[in-house]
Structure formats: structure tokens, C-alpha cells
Amino acid sequence: MVASLHTSLDAPVGQAASIAAAQVLTGEALRAIVAERMKQVDRHGRTIERDLQFNQVMDMPAAAGNYLNAFIVQMCTPPAQATRELAKPDPDSWPWDDQFWKPENPRANLVKAAALIWAAIDWLDHAPATTEADRG
């Protein structure tokens, strides 16, 4: 089964109150984040069910933080130094085995961070909550 997201500037998209807001929902950035999240699920098996079974609530945000830090390093340091600094993830905050650390270019790292934050939100939305406050 294949799912697709269809949007049109002529139709209401979510709660877009303007053409400019609707354009954000149909832009390259969101398409890249959706594609990355789909890759996490389809290529790497990172389904919501698997995340609930094998990950803690902080795993995805911690990983996203590492990709955000990679972006900052790439933007603020010379390329050779950035390459050395990004060879391995931060051992204090990277939640998974080093083999899963795959920094790319600055934009791709932001996209990965956003997709991981999306996965964290899915985790919260689907995890059994002990109280309503747990879900926000």
C-alpha cells in the first residue's frame, strides 16, 4: 500500500490561513522532512511500534540534538575540523550504536533532526500515558 500527501493552494491545507502558509506546507523543506521520516520507517524499520518497544522517550530528541549540533559545527568551523569533530557522535548524548551516526551536509542534518523530532512526537502520541500531563 502506498500513501501520498496531496496538497493544493486552492484547497484548505491543515489550518493554513493564507497562501503563504499553504506554500510552507508544499515547500521543499517539508517534503524533505517527510521523505526522511518515510526513509526511517521504510528503509530502516523505525516504525512507531518499534520505537515504542525499543526506544526511550528521550532517544529521538537526543539523536535530533546531535544532528543539530552537527549542523552548528559544520556552519561554524572550517571543513577539515568539522569532518574530524563529526567522525563520531557525542558519547554522552547519542542514544544508539555509533554505526547509526550518519551526518551529512548541513541541510541534511537539519532534515534528519526534524524527522527525529517528528518520531519523538509520534512516540509521545502513541505511548501509554500515565496521566494527561504526560502527553502535553
N, C-alpha and C. Protein backbone atom coordinates (compact mmCIF):
# COMPACT_ATOMS: atom_id res chain seq x y z
N MET A 1 0.84 -1.17 0.00
CA MET A 1 0.00 0.00 0.00
C MET A 1 0.90 1.24 0.00
N VAL A 2 0.60 2.18 -0.82
CA VAL A 2 1.38 3.41 -0.92
C VAL A 2 0.49 4.57 -0.51
N ALA A 3 1.02 5.40 0.38
CA ALA A 3 0.28 6.58 0.82
C ALA A 3 0.92 7.80 0.19
N SER A 4 0.14 8.80 -0.05
CA SER A 4 0.69 10.04 -0.59
C SER A 4 0.01 11.22 0.05
N LEU A 5 0.70 12.33 0.02
CA LEU A 5 0.18 13.57 0.57
C LEU A 5 -0.12 14.48 -0.60
N HIS A 6 -1.37 14.84 -0.77
CA HIS A 6 -1.77 15.73 -1.85
C HIS A 6 -2.18 17.07 -1.26
N THR A 7 -1.60 18.13 -1.79
CA THR A 7 -1.96 19.46 -1.32
C THR A 7 -2.20 20.35 -2.51
N SER A 8 -2.97 21.35 -2.32
CA SER A 8 -3.27 22.32 -3.36
C SER A 8 -3.44 23.68 -2.72
N LEU A 9 -2.97 24.69 -3.40
CA LEU A 9 -3.15 26.04 -2.86
C LEU A 9 -4.61 26.46 -2.93
N ASP A 10 -5.43 25.77 -3.74
CA ASP A 10 -6.84 26.10 -3.86
C ASP A 10 -7.68 25.45 -2.76
N ALA A 11 -7.15 24.41 -2.12
CA ALA A 11 -7.91 23.69 -1.10
C ALA A 11 -7.34 24.03 0.27
N PRO A 12 -8.18 23.97 1.32
CA PRO A 12 -7.64 24.22 2.65
C PRO A 12 -6.63 23.14 3.02
N VAL A 13 -5.47 23.54 3.45
CA VAL A 13 -4.42 22.61 3.84
C VAL A 13 -4.19 22.80 5.33
N GLY A 14 -4.58 21.80 6.10
CA GLY A 14 -4.45 21.93 7.54
C GLY A 14 -5.21 23.16 8.00
N GLN A 15 -4.53 23.99 8.73
CA GLN A 15 -5.12 25.22 9.22
C GLN A 15 -4.46 26.44 8.57
N ALA A 16 -3.92 26.26 7.36
CA ALA A 16 -3.25 27.36 6.67
C ALA A 16 -4.24 28.51 6.48
N ALA A 17 -3.87 29.68 6.99
CA ALA A 17 -4.76 30.83 6.92
C ALA A 17 -4.45 31.73 5.73
N SER A 18 -3.39 31.40 5.00
CA SER A 18 -3.01 32.24 3.87
C SER A 18 -2.31 31.41 2.81
N ILE A 19 -2.17 31.98 1.64
CA ILE A 19 -1.42 31.32 0.57
C ILE A 19 0.02 31.10 1.03
N ALA A 20 0.61 32.08 1.70
CA ALA A 20 1.99 31.94 2.17
C ALA A 20 2.12 30.75 3.14
N ALA A 21 1.16 30.59 4.02
CA ALA A 21 1.20 29.46 4.95
C ALA A 21 1.02 28.14 4.20
N ALA A 22 0.14 28.11 3.22
CA ALA A 22 -0.05 26.90 2.43
C ALA A 22 1.21 26.56 1.64
N GLN A 23 1.93 27.57 1.17
CA GLN A 23 3.16 27.32 0.42
C GLN A 23 4.22 26.66 1.30
N VAL A 24 4.24 26.99 2.58
CA VAL A 24 5.16 26.33 3.50
C VAL A 24 4.86 24.84 3.55
N LEU A 25 3.56 24.51 3.55
CA LEU A 25 3.16 23.10 3.62
C LEU A 25 3.44 22.33 2.34
N THR A 26 3.72 23.03 1.25
CA THR A 26 4.00 22.35 -0.01
C THR A 26 5.44 22.58 -0.46
N GLY A 27 6.27 23.16 0.39
CA GLY A 27 7.63 23.51 0.03
C GLY A 27 8.63 22.37 0.13
N GLU A 28 9.82 22.63 -0.36
CA GLU A 28 10.92 21.66 -0.36
C GLU A 28 11.28 21.18 1.04
N ALA A 29 11.30 22.09 1.99
CA ALA A 29 11.73 21.71 3.34
C ALA A 29 10.83 20.63 3.93
N LEU A 30 9.52 20.85 3.87
CA LEU A 30 8.61 19.87 4.44
C LEU A 30 8.66 18.56 3.65
N ARG A 31 8.77 18.65 2.33
CA ARG A 31 8.88 17.43 1.53
C ARG A 31 10.13 16.64 1.93
N ALA A 32 11.23 17.33 2.20
CA ALA A 32 12.46 16.64 2.60
C ALA A 32 12.29 15.96 3.96
N ILE A 33 11.62 16.64 4.89
CA ILE A 33 11.40 16.06 6.22
C ILE A 33 10.49 14.83 6.11
N VAL A 34 9.43 14.95 5.34
CA VAL A 34 8.52 13.81 5.14
C VAL A 34 9.28 12.65 4.51
N ALA A 35 10.10 12.93 3.49
CA ALA A 35 10.87 11.87 2.83
C ALA A 35 11.83 11.20 3.81
N GLU A 36 12.47 11.99 4.66
CA GLU A 36 13.40 11.42 5.65
C GLU A 36 12.66 10.55 6.65
N ARG A 37 11.51 10.99 7.11
CA ARG A 37 10.72 10.18 8.06
C ARG A 37 10.25 8.89 7.40
N MET A 38 9.85 8.98 6.13
CA MET A 38 9.45 7.78 5.40
C MET A 38 10.63 6.82 5.25
N LYS A 39 11.83 7.36 5.01
CA LYS A 39 13.03 6.54 4.90
C LYS A 39 13.32 5.85 6.24
N GLN A 40 13.15 6.58 7.34
CA GLN A 40 13.35 5.99 8.66
C GLN A 40 12.45 4.77 8.84
N VAL A 41 11.22 4.90 8.39
CA VAL A 41 10.24 3.82 8.56
C VAL A 41 10.47 2.71 7.54
N ASP A 42 10.47 3.06 6.26
CA ASP A 42 10.51 2.04 5.20
C ASP A 42 11.87 1.37 5.04
N ARG A 43 12.93 2.14 5.09
CA ARG A 43 14.25 1.58 4.85
C ARG A 43 14.91 1.05 6.11
N HIS A 44 14.62 1.68 7.24
CA HIS A 44 15.31 1.32 8.47
C HIS A 44 14.40 0.67 9.52
N GLY A 45 13.13 0.50 9.19
CA GLY A 45 12.21 -0.18 10.10
C GLY A 45 11.88 0.58 11.36
N ARG A 46 12.04 1.90 11.36
CA ARG A 46 11.79 2.72 12.54
C ARG A 46 10.32 3.11 12.63
N THR A 47 9.48 2.08 12.75
CA THR A 47 8.04 2.32 12.86
C THR A 47 7.71 2.83 14.26
N ILE A 48 6.53 3.39 14.40
CA ILE A 48 6.09 3.85 15.71
C ILE A 48 6.09 2.68 16.69
N GLU A 49 5.59 1.52 16.26
CA GLU A 49 5.52 0.36 17.14
C GLU A 49 6.91 -0.07 17.60
N ARG A 50 7.88 -0.07 16.67
CA ARG A 50 9.25 -0.46 17.02
C ARG A 50 9.86 0.56 17.96
N ASP A 51 9.64 1.84 17.68
CA ASP A 51 10.18 2.87 18.56
C ASP A 51 9.63 2.73 19.98
N LEU A 52 8.34 2.44 20.09
CA LEU A 52 7.74 2.26 21.42
C LEU A 52 8.36 1.08 22.15
N GLN A 53 8.70 0.04 21.40
CA GLN A 53 9.24 -1.18 22.00
C GLN A 53 10.71 -1.03 22.40
N PHE A 54 11.51 -0.35 21.56
CA PHE A 54 12.95 -0.37 21.77
C PHE A 54 13.57 0.96 22.19
N ASN A 55 12.84 2.04 22.17
CA ASN A 55 13.42 3.34 22.49
C ASN A 55 12.78 3.95 23.72
N GLN A 56 13.56 4.75 24.40
CA GLN A 56 13.06 5.55 25.50
C GLN A 56 12.56 6.88 24.92
N VAL A 57 11.75 7.59 25.66
CA VAL A 57 11.16 8.83 25.18
C VAL A 57 12.23 9.84 24.76
N MET A 58 13.40 9.83 25.40
CA MET A 58 14.42 10.83 25.10
C MET A 58 15.36 10.42 23.96
N ASP A 59 15.28 9.19 23.45
CA ASP A 59 16.22 8.74 22.42
C ASP A 59 16.16 9.58 21.16
N MET A 60 14.97 9.78 20.62
CA MET A 60 14.86 10.53 19.37
C MET A 60 15.24 12.01 19.54
N PRO A 61 14.79 12.69 20.60
CA PRO A 61 15.24 14.08 20.78
C PRO A 61 16.75 14.18 20.99
N ALA A 62 17.33 13.21 21.68
CA ALA A 62 18.79 13.23 21.88
C ALA A 62 19.51 13.07 20.55
N ALA A 63 19.03 12.15 19.72
CA ALA A 63 19.63 11.97 18.40
C ALA A 63 19.44 13.23 17.56
N ALA A 64 18.25 13.82 17.61
CA ALA A 64 17.99 15.06 16.87
C ALA A 64 18.96 16.15 17.32
N GLY A 65 19.20 16.24 18.62
CA GLY A 65 20.14 17.22 19.14
C GLY A 65 21.54 17.02 18.59
N ASN A 66 21.95 15.77 18.41
CA ASN A 66 23.26 15.50 17.83
C ASN A 66 23.33 15.99 16.39
N TYR A 67 22.25 15.79 15.63
CA TYR A 67 22.25 16.29 14.25
C TYR A 67 22.18 17.81 14.20
N LEU A 68 21.49 18.44 15.15
CA LEU A 68 21.50 19.90 15.23
C LEU A 68 22.90 20.40 15.56
N ASN A 69 23.58 19.72 16.48
CA ASN A 69 24.96 20.10 16.81
C ASN A 69 25.88 19.90 15.61
N ALA A 70 25.65 18.85 14.84
CA ALA A 70 26.45 18.64 13.63
C ALA A 70 26.28 19.82 12.68
N PHE A 71 25.05 20.28 12.51
CA PHE A 71 24.79 21.45 11.67
C PHE A 71 25.59 22.65 12.17
N ILE A 72 25.54 22.90 13.47
CA ILE A 72 26.25 24.05 14.05
C ILE A 72 27.75 23.93 13.82
N VAL A 73 28.30 22.75 14.06
CA VAL A 73 29.73 22.53 13.84
C VAL A 73 30.08 22.81 12.38
N GLN A 74 29.28 22.29 11.46
CA GLN A 74 29.55 22.49 10.04
C GLN A 74 29.48 23.96 9.64
N MET A 75 28.59 24.70 10.25
CA MET A 75 28.42 26.10 9.88
C MET A 75 29.44 27.02 10.56
N CYS A 76 30.04 26.57 11.66
CA CYS A 76 30.88 27.46 12.46
C CYS A 76 32.35 27.08 12.50
N THR A 77 32.75 25.99 11.87
CA THR A 77 34.14 25.58 11.91
C THR A 77 34.64 25.29 10.50
N PRO A 78 35.95 25.36 10.30
CA PRO A 78 36.50 25.02 8.98
C PRO A 78 36.14 23.57 8.61
N PRO A 79 35.95 23.30 7.31
CA PRO A 79 35.51 21.96 6.89
C PRO A 79 36.35 20.81 7.40
N ALA A 80 37.66 20.92 7.38
CA ALA A 80 38.50 19.81 7.85
C ALA A 80 38.29 19.55 9.34
N GLN A 81 38.18 20.60 10.13
CA GLN A 81 37.93 20.46 11.57
C GLN A 81 36.54 19.87 11.80
N ALA A 82 35.54 20.33 11.04
CA ALA A 82 34.18 19.81 11.18
C ALA A 82 34.15 18.32 10.88
N THR A 83 34.85 17.90 9.84
CA THR A 83 34.89 16.48 9.48
C THR A 83 35.46 15.66 10.63
N ARG A 84 36.54 16.14 11.24
CA ARG A 84 37.13 15.43 12.39
C ARG A 84 36.17 15.38 13.57
N GLU A 85 35.54 16.51 13.86
CA GLU A 85 34.64 16.58 15.01
C GLU A 85 33.40 15.71 14.84
N LEU A 86 32.99 15.50 13.60
CA LEU A 86 31.76 14.74 13.35
C LEU A 86 32.02 13.28 13.03
N ALA A 87 33.24 12.83 13.15
CA ALA A 87 33.57 11.43 12.82
C ALA A 87 32.80 10.46 13.71
N LYS A 88 32.57 10.86 14.95
CA LYS A 88 31.82 10.01 15.89
C LYS A 88 30.79 10.87 16.59
N PRO A 89 29.68 10.27 17.00
CA PRO A 89 28.67 11.06 17.73
C PRO A 89 29.16 11.38 19.14
N ASP A 90 28.47 12.29 19.78
CA ASP A 90 28.77 12.66 21.16
C ASP A 90 28.48 11.45 22.05
N PRO A 91 29.51 10.91 22.71
CA PRO A 91 29.28 9.69 23.51
C PRO A 91 28.36 9.91 24.70
N ASP A 92 28.20 11.16 25.12
CA ASP A 92 27.34 11.43 26.28
C ASP A 92 25.87 11.58 25.92
N SER A 93 25.56 11.85 24.64
CA SER A 93 24.16 12.10 24.30
C SER A 93 23.62 11.26 23.14
N TRP A 94 24.48 10.62 22.34
CA TRP A 94 23.99 9.80 21.24
C TRP A 94 23.38 8.53 21.82
N PRO A 95 22.11 8.25 21.54
CA PRO A 95 21.42 7.15 22.23
C PRO A 95 21.66 5.76 21.65
N TRP A 96 22.22 5.68 20.46
CA TRP A 96 22.33 4.39 19.79
C TRP A 96 23.78 4.04 19.49
N ASP A 97 23.98 2.90 18.89
CA ASP A 97 25.30 2.46 18.48
C ASP A 97 25.89 3.44 17.46
N ASP A 98 27.21 3.60 17.49
CA ASP A 98 27.87 4.55 16.60
C ASP A 98 27.60 4.29 15.11
N GLN A 99 27.31 3.05 14.76
CA GLN A 99 27.07 2.74 13.33
C GLN A 99 25.85 3.49 12.77
N PHE A 100 24.98 3.95 13.65
CA PHE A 100 23.78 4.66 13.19
C PHE A 100 24.00 6.17 13.07
N TRP A 101 25.18 6.65 13.43
CA TRP A 101 25.52 8.07 13.29
C TRP A 101 25.97 8.31 11.86
N LYS A 102 25.17 9.10 11.12
CA LYS A 102 25.43 9.32 9.70
C LYS A 102 25.23 10.79 9.33
N PRO A 103 26.12 11.66 9.84
CA PRO A 103 25.97 13.06 9.47
C PRO A 103 26.24 13.26 7.98
N GLU A 104 25.58 14.25 7.42
CA GLU A 104 25.77 14.58 6.01
C GLU A 104 26.07 16.07 5.90
N ASN A 105 25.50 16.73 4.92
CA ASN A 105 25.69 18.17 4.77
C ASN A 105 24.79 18.90 5.76
N PRO A 106 25.03 20.21 5.97
CA PRO A 106 24.23 20.93 6.98
C PRO A 106 22.72 20.82 6.80
N ARG A 107 22.22 20.97 5.58
CA ARG A 107 20.77 20.89 5.35
C ARG A 107 20.24 19.51 5.69
N ALA A 108 20.94 18.48 5.23
CA ALA A 108 20.51 17.10 5.50
C ALA A 108 20.48 16.82 7.00
N ASN A 109 21.43 17.40 7.74
CA ASN A 109 21.44 17.20 9.19
C ASN A 109 20.24 17.86 9.85
N LEU A 110 19.85 19.03 9.36
CA LEU A 110 18.62 19.66 9.89
C LEU A 110 17.39 18.82 9.56
N VAL A 111 17.34 18.28 8.36
CA VAL A 111 16.21 17.43 7.95
C VAL A 111 16.15 16.19 8.84
N LYS A 112 17.29 15.55 9.09
CA LYS A 112 17.31 14.38 9.97
C LYS A 112 16.83 14.74 11.37
N ALA A 113 17.30 15.89 11.87
CA ALA A 113 16.87 16.33 13.20
C ALA A 113 15.36 16.52 13.24
N ALA A 114 14.81 17.17 12.23
CA ALA A 114 13.36 17.41 12.19
C ALA A 114 12.58 16.09 12.13
N ALA A 115 13.05 15.14 11.32
CA ALA A 115 12.37 13.85 11.22
C ALA A 115 12.45 13.08 12.54
N LEU A 116 13.56 13.19 13.23
CA LEU A 116 13.68 12.54 14.54
C LEU A 116 12.77 13.19 15.58
N ILE A 117 12.61 14.50 15.51
CA ILE A 117 11.66 15.17 16.40
C ILE A 117 10.25 14.71 16.08
N TRP A 118 9.92 14.57 14.82
CA TRP A 118 8.62 14.03 14.41
C TRP A 118 8.43 12.64 15.02
N ALA A 119 9.45 11.79 14.94
CA ALA A 119 9.36 10.44 15.51
C ALA A 119 9.13 10.51 17.02
N ALA A 120 9.76 11.47 17.68
CA ALA A 120 9.57 11.63 19.12
C ALA A 120 8.13 12.04 19.44
N ILE A 121 7.58 12.91 18.63
CA ILE A 121 6.18 13.31 18.82
C ILE A 121 5.27 12.11 18.60
N ASP A 122 5.54 11.32 17.57
CA ASP A 122 4.76 10.09 17.36
C ASP A 122 4.86 9.17 18.58
N TRP A 123 6.06 9.06 19.12
CA TRP A 123 6.27 8.22 20.31
C TRP A 123 5.36 8.69 21.43
N LEU A 124 5.38 10.00 21.69
CA LEU A 124 4.52 10.54 22.75
C LEU A 124 3.04 10.34 22.46
N ASP A 125 2.66 10.52 21.20
CA ASP A 125 1.25 10.39 20.83
C ASP A 125 0.74 8.96 20.96
N HIS A 126 1.62 7.98 20.87
CA HIS A 126 1.19 6.58 20.87
C HIS A 126 1.57 5.81 22.13
N ALA A 127 2.40 6.39 22.98
CA ALA A 127 2.82 5.70 24.20
C ALA A 127 1.67 5.71 25.21
N PRO A 128 1.53 4.64 25.96
CA PRO A 128 0.52 4.67 27.02
C PRO A 128 0.93 5.73 28.05
N ALA A 129 0.07 6.66 28.27
CA ALA A 129 0.36 7.75 29.22
C ALA A 129 -0.17 7.39 30.60
N THR A 130 0.60 7.77 31.60
CA THR A 130 0.12 7.54 32.96
C THR A 130 -0.83 8.64 33.39
N THR A 131 -0.63 9.84 32.85
CA THR A 131 -1.55 10.95 33.13
C THR A 131 -1.71 11.78 31.86
N GLU A 132 -2.69 12.61 31.83
CA GLU A 132 -2.88 13.51 30.68
C GLU A 132 -1.70 14.46 30.54
N ALA A 133 -1.09 14.85 31.66
CA ALA A 133 0.04 15.78 31.63
C ALA A 133 1.21 15.18 30.87
N ASP A 134 1.33 13.85 30.83
CA ASP A 134 2.43 13.20 30.11
C ASP A 134 2.37 13.48 28.61
N ARG A 135 1.19 13.69 28.08
CA ARG A 135 1.02 13.90 26.64
C ARG A 135 1.13 15.36 26.23
N GLY A 136 1.10 16.25 27.19
CA GLY A 136 1.22 17.68 26.86
C GLY A 136 -0.07 18.23 26.48
